[in-house]
Amino acid sequence: MSLNRWKSVKQSQQRGKVLVDLEGSSGETYPGSDYRPSDRKNWMAGLNPEKLHINQVVWPGTHDSATNKIGIPMITRPFAQCQSLSIYRQLCVGTRVLDVRVQEDRRICHGILTTYSVDVVIQDLKKFLSETQSEIVILEIRTEFGHDDPPEFDKYLEEQLGEYLIHQDDNVFGKTIAELLPKRVICVWKPRKSPAPKHGSPLWSAGYLKDNWIDTDLPSTKFENNMKHLSEQPPVSSRKFFYRVENTVTPKADNPIVCVKPVTNRIHGYARLFIAQCFSKGCADKLQIFSTDFIDEDFVEACVGLTQARVEGKV
């Protein structure tokens, strides 16, 4: 191992220890942290759609959602796979924000690696919607960096999801889920060169889903920067856009470990700590979309618990 790589590994270990120490001293308790939904597939329905407002939801999301079968197994897949579950299984476990990247031929991609067609994503989403009644899903679809937009992709999305689409409208943020039903999908389309969706369109434009991407493999650096950028946002009660925090870190070429899962696992277990620290730092009222790699039940329940506390007036 080169000296620079050795230093990188030691730095990562030291920065990771910061979160371990913070967890030990501060804990992971926050309003709603002990709540467990009886049915994760229908967790929004379980919180009463007539009481649950869109701007109260802490949305569990997945990063690079459609990468469960990307690349070649055991060869290129470990370098790009960010989820092990299908879109349908993610939704059933409680995911409510999907991050999907496409290239010109409508295939899902992550960088230069590709997988199935976006048709698979749409089919999985529609299957889930057909099996539930009150679950709202945010579907973000973007053209991957370095690729061209799929031709007439906006028309494709409208044709495939038209009956479910919640139209672009600032008033949506203050409405309850019951007021939006039977519409179920907020679809954010982020093309590179094609015209952006306009106000009133069945699709939502890029400005309605924002984040501050921090490209690092150091968990403490990501944790601290996520907190900094979140603290700079307006409260969800007055915000007219969705803001995402991603509980992920990214493999770096100068580090000896470049596969996604062992790297992102460095921060994966600190989701509840982040929420607890949002309360300590006074910005819990700003947390909205919280996304992860390799989503699991505990991550979903961490988000649903805070949502339940908001609905019940505990925060």
C-alpha atoms as a PDB file:
ATOM      1  CA  MET A   1       0.000   0.000   0.000  1.00  0.00           C
ATOM      2  CA  SER A   2       1.358   3.441  -0.947  1.00  0.00           C
ATOM      3  CA  LEU A   3       1.936   6.090   1.710  1.00  0.00           C
ATOM      4  CA  ASN A   4      -0.935   8.227   0.361  1.00  0.00           C
ATOM      5  CA  ARG A   5      -3.340   5.302   0.478  1.00  0.00           C
ATOM      6  CA  TRP A   6      -2.247   4.399   4.000  1.00  0.00           C
ATOM      7  CA  LYS A   7      -2.873   7.984   5.097  1.00  0.00           C
ATOM      8  CA  SER A   8      -6.302   7.887   3.429  1.00  0.00           C
ATOM      9  CA  VAL A   9      -7.246   4.715   5.278  1.00  0.00           C
ATOM     10  CA  LYS A  10      -6.073   6.123   8.636  1.00  0.00           C
ATOM     11  CA  GLN A  11      -7.950   9.365   8.014  1.00  0.00           C
ATOM     12  CA  SER A  12     -11.138   7.435   7.227  1.00  0.00           C
ATOM     13  CA  GLN A  13     -10.795   5.397  10.439  1.00  0.00           C
ATOM     14  CA  GLN A  14     -10.213   8.510  12.545  1.00  0.00           C
ATOM     15  CA  ARG A  15     -13.116  10.412  10.987  1.00  0.00           C
ATOM     16  CA  GLY A  16     -15.385   7.407  11.470  1.00  0.00           C
ATOM     17  CA  LYS A  17     -14.482   7.314  15.159  1.00  0.00           C
ATOM     18  CA  VAL A  18     -15.939  10.812  15.514  1.00  0.00           C
ATOM     19  CA  LEU A  19     -19.396   9.415  14.755  1.00  0.00           C
ATOM     20  CA  VAL A  20     -18.897   6.453  17.071  1.00  0.00           C
ATOM     21  CA  ASP A  21     -17.989   8.830  19.903  1.00  0.00           C
ATOM     22  CA  LEU A  22     -20.909  11.142  19.071  1.00  0.00           C
ATOM     23  CA  GLU A  23     -23.298   8.202  19.098  1.00  0.00           C
ATOM     24  CA  GLY A  24     -21.990   7.097  22.476  1.00  0.00           C
ATOM     25  CA  SER A  25     -22.285  10.529  24.071  1.00  0.00           C
ATOM     26  CA  SER A  26     -25.503  11.794  22.463  1.00  0.00           C
ATOM     27  CA  GLY A  27     -27.519   8.680  21.653  1.00  0.00           C
ATOM     28  CA  GLU A  28     -30.085   8.071  18.935  1.00  0.00           C
ATOM     29  CA  THR A  29     -33.274   9.045  20.751  1.00  0.00           C
ATOM     30  CA  TYR A  30     -35.626  11.654  19.294  1.00  0.00           C
ATOM     31  CA  PRO A  31     -39.417  12.190  19.202  1.00  0.00           C
ATOM     32  CA  GLY A  32     -40.906   9.157  17.471  1.00  0.00           C
ATOM     33  CA  SER A  33     -37.702   7.091  17.548  1.00  0.00           C
ATOM     34  CA  ASP A  34     -39.495   4.248  19.321  1.00  0.00           C
ATOM     35  CA  TYR A  35     -42.385   4.118  16.817  1.00  0.00           C
ATOM     36  CA  ARG A  36     -42.654   1.032  14.598  1.00  0.00           C
ATOM     37  CA  PRO A  37     -45.337   0.947  11.876  1.00  0.00           C
ATOM     38  CA  SER A  38     -47.397  -2.235  11.940  1.00  0.00           C
ATOM     39  CA  ASP A  39     -47.396  -2.350   8.122  1.00  0.00           C
ATOM     40  CA  ARG A  40     -44.451  -0.700   6.344  1.00  0.00           C
ATOM     41  CA  LYS A  41     -46.045  -1.294   2.943  1.00  0.00           C
ATOM     42  CA  ASN A  42     -48.943   0.967   3.998  1.00  0.00           C
ATOM     43  CA  TRP A  43     -47.248   3.188   6.548  1.00  0.00           C
ATOM     44  CA  MET A  44     -48.754   6.431   5.234  1.00  0.00           C
ATOM     45  CA  ALA A  45     -52.238   4.944   5.498  1.00  0.00           C
ATOM     46  CA  GLY A  46     -51.384   3.972   9.082  1.00  0.00           C
ATOM     47  CA  LEU A  47     -50.703   7.619   9.981  1.00  0.00           C
ATOM     48  CA  ASN A  48     -54.173   8.754   8.805  1.00  0.00           C
ATOM     49  CA  PRO A  49     -54.160  10.371   5.319  1.00  0.00           C
ATOM     50  CA  GLU A  50     -56.646  12.997   6.518  1.00  0.00           C
ATOM     51  CA  LYS A  51     -54.166  14.270   9.108  1.00  0.00           C
ATOM     52  CA  LEU A  52     -50.829  13.680   7.344  1.00  0.00           C
ATOM     53  CA  HIS A  53     -49.677  16.712   5.324  1.00  0.00           C
ATOM     54  CA  ILE A  54     -47.131  16.418   2.522  1.00  0.00           C
ATOM     55  CA  ASN A  55     -44.808  18.860   4.293  1.00  0.00           C
ATOM     56  CA  GLN A  56     -44.900  16.764   7.493  1.00  0.00           C
ATOM     57  CA  VAL A  57     -43.510  13.639   5.876  1.00  0.00           C
ATOM     58  CA  VAL A  58     -39.912  12.555   6.424  1.00  0.00           C
ATOM     59  CA  TRP A  59     -39.608  10.655   3.154  1.00  0.00           C
ATOM     60  CA  PRO A  60     -37.418   7.508   3.199  1.00  0.00           C
ATOM     61  CA  GLY A  61     -35.558   7.496  -0.100  1.00  0.00           C
ATOM     62  CA  THR A  62     -33.082   5.379  -2.010  1.00  0.00           C
ATOM     63  CA  HIS A  63     -29.982   6.597  -3.828  1.00  0.00           C
ATOM     64  CA  ASP A  64     -29.497   5.188  -7.354  1.00  0.00           C
ATOM     65  CA  SER A  65     -32.653   3.204  -6.787  1.00  0.00           C
ATOM     66  CA  ALA A  66     -32.657   0.973  -9.879  1.00  0.00           C
ATOM     67  CA  THR A  67     -29.154  -0.502  -9.624  1.00  0.00           C
ATOM     68  CA  ASN A  68     -29.987  -3.872  -8.056  1.00  0.00           C
ATOM     69  CA  LYS A  69     -29.040  -5.700 -11.286  1.00  0.00           C
ATOM     70  CA  ILE A  70     -26.598  -3.237 -12.819  1.00  0.00           C
ATOM     71  CA  GLY A  71     -23.479  -4.389 -14.647  1.00  0.00           C
ATOM     72  CA  ILE A  72     -22.076  -7.926 -14.509  1.00  0.00           C
ATOM     73  CA  PRO A  73     -22.492  -9.876 -11.240  1.00  0.00           C
ATOM     74  CA  MET A  74     -19.273 -10.106  -9.183  1.00  0.00           C
ATOM     75  CA  ILE A  75     -17.321  -8.244 -11.890  1.00  0.00           C
ATOM     76  CA  THR A  76     -18.622  -4.712 -12.488  1.00  0.00           C
ATOM     77  CA  ARG A  77     -21.748  -4.763 -10.287  1.00  0.00           C
ATOM     78  CA  PRO A  78     -19.955  -4.160  -6.943  1.00  0.00           C
ATOM     79  CA  PHE A  79     -18.614  -0.855  -8.297  1.00  0.00           C
ATOM     80  CA  ALA A  80     -22.056   0.590  -9.123  1.00  0.00           C
ATOM     81  CA  GLN A  81     -24.748  -1.293  -7.211  1.00  0.00           C
ATOM     82  CA  CYS A  82     -26.360   0.924  -4.572  1.00  0.00           C
ATOM     83  CA  GLN A  83     -29.476  -1.160  -3.840  1.00  0.00           C
ATOM     84  CA  SER A  84     -30.045  -4.905  -3.522  1.00  0.00           C
ATOM     85  CA  LEU A  85     -33.851  -4.788  -3.664  1.00  0.00           C
ATOM     86  CA  SER A  86     -36.032  -4.326  -6.734  1.00  0.00           C
ATOM     87  CA  ILE A  87     -38.070  -1.121  -7.009  1.00  0.00           C
ATOM     88  CA  TYR A  88     -41.185  -3.044  -5.978  1.00  0.00           C
ATOM     89  CA  ARG A  89     -39.494  -4.521  -2.891  1.00  0.00           C
ATOM     90  CA  GLN A  90     -38.104  -1.103  -1.920  1.00  0.00           C
ATOM     91  CA  LEU A  91     -41.595   0.363  -2.038  1.00  0.00           C
ATOM     92  CA  CYS A  92     -43.028  -2.529  -0.016  1.00  0.00           C
ATOM     93  CA  VAL A  93     -40.367  -2.066   2.669  1.00  0.00           C
ATOM     94  CA  GLY A  94     -41.381   1.604   2.941  1.00  0.00           C
ATOM     95  CA  THR A  95     -39.316   3.612   0.456  1.00  0.00           C
ATOM     96  CA  ARG A  96     -41.232   6.628  -0.834  1.00  0.00           C
ATOM     97  CA  VAL A  97     -38.610   8.516  -2.891  1.00  0.00           C
ATOM     98  CA  LEU A  98     -36.954   6.892  -5.915  1.00  0.00           C
ATOM     99  CA  ASP A  99     -33.832   8.215  -7.651  1.00  0.00           C
ATOM    100  CA  VAL A 100     -33.668   6.818 -11.204  1.00  0.00           C
ATOM    101  CA  ARG A 101     -31.073   7.658 -13.869  1.00  0.00           C
ATOM    102  CA  VAL A 102     -31.615   6.956 -17.573  1.00  0.00           C
ATOM    103  CA  GLN A 103     -29.722   7.198 -20.835  1.00  0.00           C
ATOM    104  CA  GLU A 104     -30.913   7.889 -24.382  1.00  0.00           C
ATOM    105  CA  ASP A 105     -32.324   4.391 -25.023  1.00  0.00           C
ATOM    106  CA  ARG A 106     -34.364   4.522 -21.770  1.00  0.00           C
ATOM    107  CA  ARG A 107     -32.134   2.014 -20.034  1.00  0.00           C
ATOM    108  CA  ILE A 108     -31.171   2.608 -16.413  1.00  0.00           C
ATOM    109  CA  CYS A 109     -27.518   3.501 -15.954  1.00  0.00           C
ATOM    110  CA  HIS A 110     -24.982   4.491 -13.318  1.00  0.00           C
ATOM    111  CA  GLY A 111     -22.080   6.142 -15.071  1.00  0.00           C
ATOM    112  CA  ILE A 112     -21.066   3.870 -17.939  1.00  0.00           C
ATOM    113  CA  LEU A 113     -22.765   0.742 -16.566  1.00  0.00           C
ATOM    114  CA  THR A 114     -26.300  -0.162 -17.596  1.00  0.00           C
ATOM    115  CA  THR A 115     -29.126  -2.446 -16.540  1.00  0.00           C
ATOM    116  CA  TYR A 116     -32.791  -2.989 -17.402  1.00  0.00           C
ATOM    117  CA  SER A 117     -35.155  -0.578 -19.164  1.00  0.00           C
ATOM    118  CA  VAL A 118     -37.014   2.117 -17.269  1.00  0.00           C
ATOM    119  CA  ASP A 119     -40.137   0.099 -18.182  1.00  0.00           C
ATOM    120  CA  VAL A 120     -39.210  -2.237 -15.311  1.00  0.00           C
ATOM    121  CA  VAL A 121     -39.249   0.680 -12.860  1.00  0.00           C
ATOM    122  CA  ILE A 122     -42.638   1.861 -14.101  1.00  0.00           C
ATOM    123  CA  GLN A 123     -44.102  -1.656 -13.954  1.00  0.00           C
ATOM    124  CA  ASP A 124     -42.858  -2.147 -10.380  1.00  0.00           C
ATOM    125  CA  LEU A 125     -44.231   1.230  -9.327  1.00  0.00           C
ATOM    126  CA  LYS A 126     -47.636   0.551 -10.887  1.00  0.00           C
ATOM    127  CA  LYS A 127     -47.793  -2.874  -9.260  1.00  0.00           C
ATOM    128  CA  PHE A 128     -47.184  -1.274  -5.862  1.00  0.00           C
ATOM    129  CA  LEU A 129     -49.765   1.448  -6.490  1.00  0.00           C
ATOM    130  CA  SER A 130     -52.346  -1.156  -7.503  1.00  0.00           C
ATOM    131  CA  GLU A 131     -51.836  -2.957  -4.180  1.00  0.00           C
ATOM    132  CA  THR A 132     -52.095   0.127  -1.953  1.00  0.00           C
ATOM    133  CA  GLN A 133     -54.532   3.022  -1.655  1.00  0.00           C
ATOM    134  CA  SER A 134     -52.973   5.929   0.248  1.00  0.00           C
ATOM    135  CA  GLU A 135     -49.217   5.774  -0.357  1.00  0.00           C
ATOM    136  CA  ILE A 136     -47.665   8.780  -2.150  1.00  0.00           C
ATOM    137  CA  VAL A 137     -44.400   8.224  -4.041  1.00  0.00           C
ATOM    138  CA  ILE A 138     -41.901  10.803  -5.300  1.00  0.00           C
ATOM    139  CA  LEU A 139     -40.331   9.482  -8.500  1.00  0.00           C
ATOM    140  CA  GLU A 140     -37.264  11.449  -9.559  1.00  0.00           C
ATOM    141  CA  ILE A 141     -36.005  10.557 -13.030  1.00  0.00           C
ATOM    142  CA  ARG A 142     -32.981  12.279 -14.492  1.00  0.00           C
ATOM    143  CA  THR A 143     -30.760  11.872 -17.517  1.00  0.00           C
ATOM    144  CA  GLU A 144     -27.448  10.552 -16.214  1.00  0.00           C
ATOM    145  CA  PHE A 145     -24.422  12.853 -16.482  1.00  0.00           C
ATOM    146  CA  GLY A 146     -22.644  12.417 -19.818  1.00  0.00           C
ATOM    147  CA  HIS A 147     -25.718  10.973 -21.556  1.00  0.00           C
ATOM    148  CA  ASP A 148     -28.382  12.403 -23.852  1.00  0.00           C
ATOM    149  CA  ASP A 149     -32.060  12.708 -22.965  1.00  0.00           C
ATOM    150  CA  PRO A 150     -34.357   9.909 -24.130  1.00  0.00           C
ATOM    151  CA  PRO A 151     -36.490  11.297 -26.996  1.00  0.00           C
ATOM    152  CA  GLU A 152     -39.983  12.450 -25.976  1.00  0.00           C
ATOM    153  CA  PHE A 153     -39.481  11.034 -22.506  1.00  0.00           C
ATOM    154  CA  ASP A 154     -41.936  13.439 -20.905  1.00  0.00           C
ATOM    155  CA  LYS A 155     -44.697  12.066 -23.124  1.00  0.00           C
ATOM    156  CA  TYR A 156     -43.691   8.529 -22.191  1.00  0.00           C
ATOM    157  CA  LEU A 157     -43.964   9.297 -18.460  1.00  0.00           C
ATOM    158  CA  GLU A 158     -47.335  10.967 -18.886  1.00  0.00           C
ATOM    159  CA  GLU A 159     -48.667   8.046 -20.917  1.00  0.00           C
ATOM    160  CA  GLN A 160     -47.430   5.464 -18.440  1.00  0.00           C
ATOM    161  CA  LEU A 161     -48.382   7.222 -15.188  1.00  0.00           C
ATOM    162  CA  GLY A 162     -51.014   9.766 -16.217  1.00  0.00           C
ATOM    163  CA  GLU A 163     -53.818   8.475 -13.979  1.00  0.00           C
ATOM    164  CA  TYR A 164     -51.541   8.664 -10.921  1.00  0.00           C
ATOM    165  CA  LEU A 165     -49.685  11.929 -11.529  1.00  0.00           C
ATOM    166  CA  ILE A 166     -50.037  14.828  -9.082  1.00  0.00           C
ATOM    167  CA  HIS A 167     -49.603  17.988 -11.192  1.00  0.00           C
ATOM    168  CA  GLN A 168     -46.886  20.550 -10.473  1.00  0.00           C
ATOM    169  CA  ASP A 169     -48.433  22.996  -8.023  1.00  0.00           C
ATOM    170  CA  ASP A 170     -46.960  24.872  -5.029  1.00  0.00           C
ATOM    171  CA  ASN A 171     -50.187  24.293  -3.100  1.00  0.00           C
ATOM    172  CA  VAL A 172     -49.432  20.559  -2.914  1.00  0.00           C
ATOM    173  CA  PHE A 173     -46.954  21.063  -0.053  1.00  0.00           C
ATOM    174  CA  GLY A 174     -49.662  22.245   2.350  1.00  0.00           C
ATOM    175  CA  LYS A 175     -52.217  19.577   1.457  1.00  0.00           C
ATOM    176  CA  THR A 176     -52.979  16.323   3.215  1.00  0.00           C
ATOM    177  CA  ILE A 177     -52.562  13.008   1.481  1.00  0.00           C
ATOM    178  CA  ALA A 178     -56.342  12.585   1.493  1.00  0.00           C
ATOM    179  CA  GLU A 179     -56.716  15.852  -0.432  1.00  0.00           C
ATOM    180  CA  LEU A 180     -54.405  14.565  -3.177  1.00  0.00           C
ATOM    181  CA  LEU A 181     -55.921  11.119  -3.603  1.00  0.00           C
ATOM    182  CA  PRO A 182     -56.561   9.285  -5.881  1.00  0.00           C
ATOM    183  CA  LYS A 183     -53.445  10.847  -7.450  1.00  0.00           C
ATOM    184  CA  ARG A 184     -50.369   9.155  -5.982  1.00  0.00           C
ATOM    185  CA  VAL A 185     -47.135  10.093  -7.790  1.00  0.00           C
ATOM    186  CA  ILE A 186     -45.061  13.279  -7.768  1.00  0.00           C
ATOM    187  CA  CYS A 187     -42.832  12.711 -10.791  1.00  0.00           C
ATOM    188  CA  VAL A 188     -39.795  15.012 -11.032  1.00  0.00           C
ATOM    189  CA  TRP A 189     -38.272  14.901 -14.532  1.00  0.00           C
ATOM    190  CA  LYS A 190     -34.736  16.314 -14.832  1.00  0.00           C
ATOM    191  CA  PRO A 191     -33.596  16.320 -18.462  1.00  0.00           C
ATOM    192  CA  ARG A 192     -30.195  17.667 -19.528  1.00  0.00           C
ATOM    193  CA  LYS A 193     -31.215  19.524 -22.686  1.00  0.00           C
ATOM    194  CA  SER A 194     -34.918  18.901 -23.278  1.00  0.00           C
ATOM    195  CA  PRO A 195     -37.421  21.525 -22.061  1.00  0.00           C
ATOM    196  CA  ALA A 196     -38.187  21.380 -18.349  1.00  0.00           C
ATOM    197  CA  PRO A 197     -41.769  20.679 -17.197  1.00  0.00           C
ATOM    198  CA  LYS A 198     -43.818  23.856 -16.780  1.00  0.00           C
ATOM    199  CA  HIS A 199     -46.039  24.964 -13.915  1.00  0.00           C
ATOM    200  CA  GLY A 200     -49.284  23.011 -13.991  1.00  0.00           C
ATOM    201  CA  SER A 201     -47.694  20.175 -15.927  1.00  0.00           C
ATOM    202  CA  PRO A 202     -48.270  16.536 -14.897  1.00  0.00           C
ATOM    203  CA  LEU A 203     -44.488  16.439 -14.290  1.00  0.00           C
ATOM    204  CA  TRP A 204     -42.403  18.504 -11.850  1.00  0.00           C
ATOM    205  CA  SER A 205     -39.256  20.430 -12.779  1.00  0.00           C
ATOM    206  CA  ALA A 206     -35.786  20.019 -11.253  1.00  0.00           C
ATOM    207  CA  GLY A 207     -36.116  23.001  -8.906  1.00  0.00           C
ATOM    208  CA  TYR A 208     -38.717  21.160  -6.863  1.00  0.00           C
ATOM    209  CA  LEU A 209     -36.225  18.555  -5.628  1.00  0.00           C
ATOM    210  CA  LYS A 210     -32.934  19.962  -4.388  1.00  0.00           C
ATOM    211  CA  ASP A 211     -29.901  18.648  -2.553  1.00  0.00           C
ATOM    212  CA  ASN A 212     -26.246  19.432  -1.902  1.00  0.00           C
ATOM    213  CA  TRP A 213     -24.187  16.491  -3.072  1.00  0.00           C
ATOM    214  CA  ILE A 214     -20.959  16.036  -1.094  1.00  0.00           C
ATOM    215  CA  ASP A 215     -18.548  13.747  -2.931  1.00  0.00           C
ATOM    216  CA  THR A 216     -16.540  12.054  -0.170  1.00  0.00           C
ATOM    217  CA  ASP A 217     -15.818   8.606   1.237  1.00  0.00           C
ATOM    218  CA  LEU A 218     -15.372   9.990   4.774  1.00  0.00           C
ATOM    219  CA  PRO A 219     -18.508   9.448   6.888  1.00  0.00           C
ATOM    220  CA  SER A 220     -17.859  12.259   9.346  1.00  0.00           C
ATOM    221  CA  THR A 221     -17.240  14.736   6.513  1.00  0.00           C
ATOM    222  CA  LYS A 222     -20.529  13.750   4.863  1.00  0.00           C
ATOM    223  CA  PHE A 223     -22.405  13.808   8.165  1.00  0.00           C
ATOM    224  CA  GLU A 224     -21.156  17.282   9.073  1.00  0.00           C
ATOM    225  CA  ASN A 225     -21.730  18.748   5.606  1.00  0.00           C
ATOM    226  CA  ASN A 226     -25.216  17.263   5.428  1.00  0.00           C
ATOM    227  CA  MET A 227     -26.014  18.966   8.718  1.00  0.00           C
ATOM    228  CA  LYS A 228     -24.521  22.277   7.573  1.00  0.00           C
ATOM    229  CA  HIS A 229     -26.485  22.392   4.313  1.00  0.00           C
ATOM    230  CA  LEU A 230     -29.708  21.246   5.961  1.00  0.00           C
ATOM    231  CA  SER A 231     -29.438  23.978   8.595  1.00  0.00           C
ATOM    232  CA  GLU A 232     -29.338  26.574   5.786  1.00  0.00           C
ATOM    233  CA  GLN A 233     -32.731  25.507   4.370  1.00  0.00           C
ATOM    234  CA  PRO A 234     -36.138  27.009   5.200  1.00  0.00           C
ATOM    235  CA  PRO A 235     -38.381  24.965   7.533  1.00  0.00           C
ATOM    236  CA  VAL A 236     -40.586  22.410   5.784  1.00  0.00           C
ATOM    237  CA  SER A 237     -43.678  24.371   6.859  1.00  0.00           C
ATOM    238  CA  SER A 238     -42.745  27.266   4.548  1.00  0.00           C
ATOM    239  CA  ARG A 239     -40.718  25.454   1.881  1.00  0.00           C
ATOM    240  CA  LYS A 240     -42.124  25.112  -1.647  1.00  0.00           C
ATOM    241  CA  PHE A 241     -39.660  22.460  -2.764  1.00  0.00           C
ATOM    242  CA  PHE A 242     -38.390  19.109  -1.515  1.00  0.00           C
ATOM    243  CA  TYR A 243     -34.906  19.008   0.007  1.00  0.00           C
ATOM    244  CA  ARG A 244     -32.928  15.775   0.187  1.00  0.00           C
ATOM    245  CA  VAL A 245     -30.193  14.677   2.566  1.00  0.00           C
ATOM    246  CA  GLU A 246     -28.304  11.550   1.484  1.00  0.00           C
ATOM    247  CA  ASN A 247     -26.907   9.303   4.202  1.00  0.00           C
ATOM    248  CA  THR A 248     -24.282   7.882   1.818  1.00  0.00           C
ATOM    249  CA  VAL A 249     -20.580   8.092   1.063  1.00  0.00           C
ATOM    250  CA  THR A 250     -18.870   7.504  -2.276  1.00  0.00           C
ATOM    251  CA  PRO A 251     -15.912   5.248  -3.155  1.00  0.00           C
ATOM    252  CA  LYS A 252     -12.832   7.218  -4.214  1.00  0.00           C
ATOM    253  CA  ALA A 253     -10.184   6.085  -6.682  1.00  0.00           C
ATOM    254  CA  ASP A 254      -7.289   6.862  -4.307  1.00  0.00           C
ATOM    255  CA  ASN A 255      -8.698   4.548  -1.622  1.00  0.00           C
ATOM    256  CA  PRO A 256      -7.933   0.805  -1.639  1.00  0.00           C
ATOM    257  CA  ILE A 257     -11.652   0.016  -1.207  1.00  0.00           C
ATOM    258  CA  VAL A 258     -13.655   1.092  -4.257  1.00  0.00           C
ATOM    259  CA  CYS A 259     -16.734  -1.157  -4.091  1.00  0.00           C
ATOM    260  CA  VAL A 260     -19.908   0.654  -3.048  1.00  0.00           C
ATOM    261  CA  LYS A 261     -21.240  -1.483  -0.195  1.00  0.00           C
ATOM    262  CA  PRO A 262     -18.229  -1.626   2.162  1.00  0.00           C
ATOM    263  CA  VAL A 263     -17.661   2.103   1.682  1.00  0.00           C
ATOM    264  CA  THR A 264     -21.246   3.265   2.155  1.00  0.00           C
ATOM    265  CA  ASN A 265     -21.577   0.949   5.173  1.00  0.00           C
ATOM    266  CA  ARG A 266     -19.277   3.385   6.977  1.00  0.00           C
ATOM    267  CA  ILE A 267     -22.201   5.805   7.354  1.00  0.00           C
ATOM    268  CA  HIS A 268     -25.219   3.538   6.870  1.00  0.00           C
ATOM    269  CA  GLY A 269     -25.719   2.820  10.561  1.00  0.00           C
ATOM    270  CA  TYR A 270     -25.756   6.472  11.602  1.00  0.00           C
ATOM    271  CA  ALA A 271     -29.152   7.477  10.192  1.00  0.00           C
ATOM    272  CA  ARG A 272     -30.842   7.638  13.591  1.00  0.00           C
ATOM    273  CA  LEU A 273     -27.875   9.534  14.996  1.00  0.00           C
ATOM    274  CA  PHE A 274     -28.265  12.119  12.219  1.00  0.00           C
ATOM    275  CA  ILE A 275     -31.949  12.625  13.032  1.00  0.00           C
ATOM    276  CA  ALA A 276     -31.162  12.928  16.735  1.00  0.00           C
ATOM    277  CA  GLN A 277     -28.457  15.479  15.951  1.00  0.00           C
ATOM    278  CA  CYS A 278     -30.935  17.472  13.859  1.00  0.00           C
ATOM    279  CA  PHE A 279     -32.844  18.053  17.094  1.00  0.00           C
ATOM    280  CA  SER A 280     -29.659  18.927  18.987  1.00  0.00           C
ATOM    281  CA  LYS A 281     -28.670  21.427  16.281  1.00  0.00           C
ATOM    282  CA  GLY A 282     -32.147  22.950  15.989  1.00  0.00           C
ATOM    283  CA  CYS A 283     -32.861  21.927  12.403  1.00  0.00           C
ATOM    284  CA  ALA A 284     -35.187  18.937  12.806  1.00  0.00           C
ATOM    285  CA  ASP A 285     -37.999  21.060  11.348  1.00  0.00           C
ATOM    286  CA  LYS A 286     -36.030  21.186   8.076  1.00  0.00           C
ATOM    287  CA  LEU A 287     -35.505  17.457   7.502  1.00  0.00           C
ATOM    288  CA  GLN A 288     -37.651  16.160   4.667  1.00  0.00           C
ATOM    289  CA  ILE A 289     -36.213  13.588   2.223  1.00  0.00           C
ATOM    290  CA  PHE A 290     -33.651  11.268   3.789  1.00  0.00           C
ATOM    291  CA  SER A 291     -32.027   8.808   1.387  1.00  0.00           C
ATOM    292  CA  THR A 292     -29.658   5.883   1.689  1.00  0.00           C
ATOM    293  CA  ASP A 293     -27.884   3.102  -0.156  1.00  0.00           C
ATOM    294  CA  PHE A 294     -29.079  -0.467   0.497  1.00  0.00           C
ATOM    295  CA  ILE A 295     -32.237   0.587   2.320  1.00  0.00           C
ATOM    296  CA  ASP A 296     -33.496  -1.570   5.178  1.00  0.00           C
ATOM    297  CA  GLU A 297     -36.414  -1.670   7.596  1.00  0.00           C
ATOM    298  CA  ASP A 298     -34.680   0.277  10.367  1.00  0.00           C
ATOM    299  CA  PHE A 299     -33.897   3.210   8.063  1.00  0.00           C
ATOM    300  CA  VAL A 300     -37.541   3.371   6.988  1.00  0.00           C
ATOM    301  CA  GLU A 301     -38.751   3.189  10.584  1.00  0.00           C
ATOM    302  CA  ALA A 302     -36.371   5.963  11.619  1.00  0.00           C
ATOM    303  CA  CYS A 303     -38.060   8.274   9.087  1.00  0.00           C
ATOM    304  CA  VAL A 304     -41.612   7.084   9.740  1.00  0.00           C
ATOM    305  CA  GLY A 305     -41.138   7.572  13.480  1.00  0.00           C
ATOM    306  CA  LEU A 306     -40.316  11.248  13.090  1.00  0.00           C
ATOM    307  CA  THR A 307     -43.217  11.634  10.651  1.00  0.00           C
ATOM    308  CA  GLN A 308     -45.580  10.114  13.220  1.00  0.00           C
ATOM    309  CA  ALA A 309     -44.281  12.496  15.890  1.00  0.00           C
ATOM    310  CA  ARG A 310     -44.977  15.460  13.614  1.00  0.00           C
ATOM    311  CA  VAL A 311     -48.519  14.269  12.896  1.00  0.00           C
ATOM    312  CA  GLU A 312     -49.211  13.760  16.604  1.00  0.00           C
ATOM    313  CA  GLY A 313     -47.849  17.208  17.494  1.00  0.00           C
ATOM    314  CA  LYS A 314     -44.931  15.858  19.514  1.00  0.00           C
ATOM    315  CA  VAL A 315     -42.453  18.195  17.763  1.00  0.00           C
END
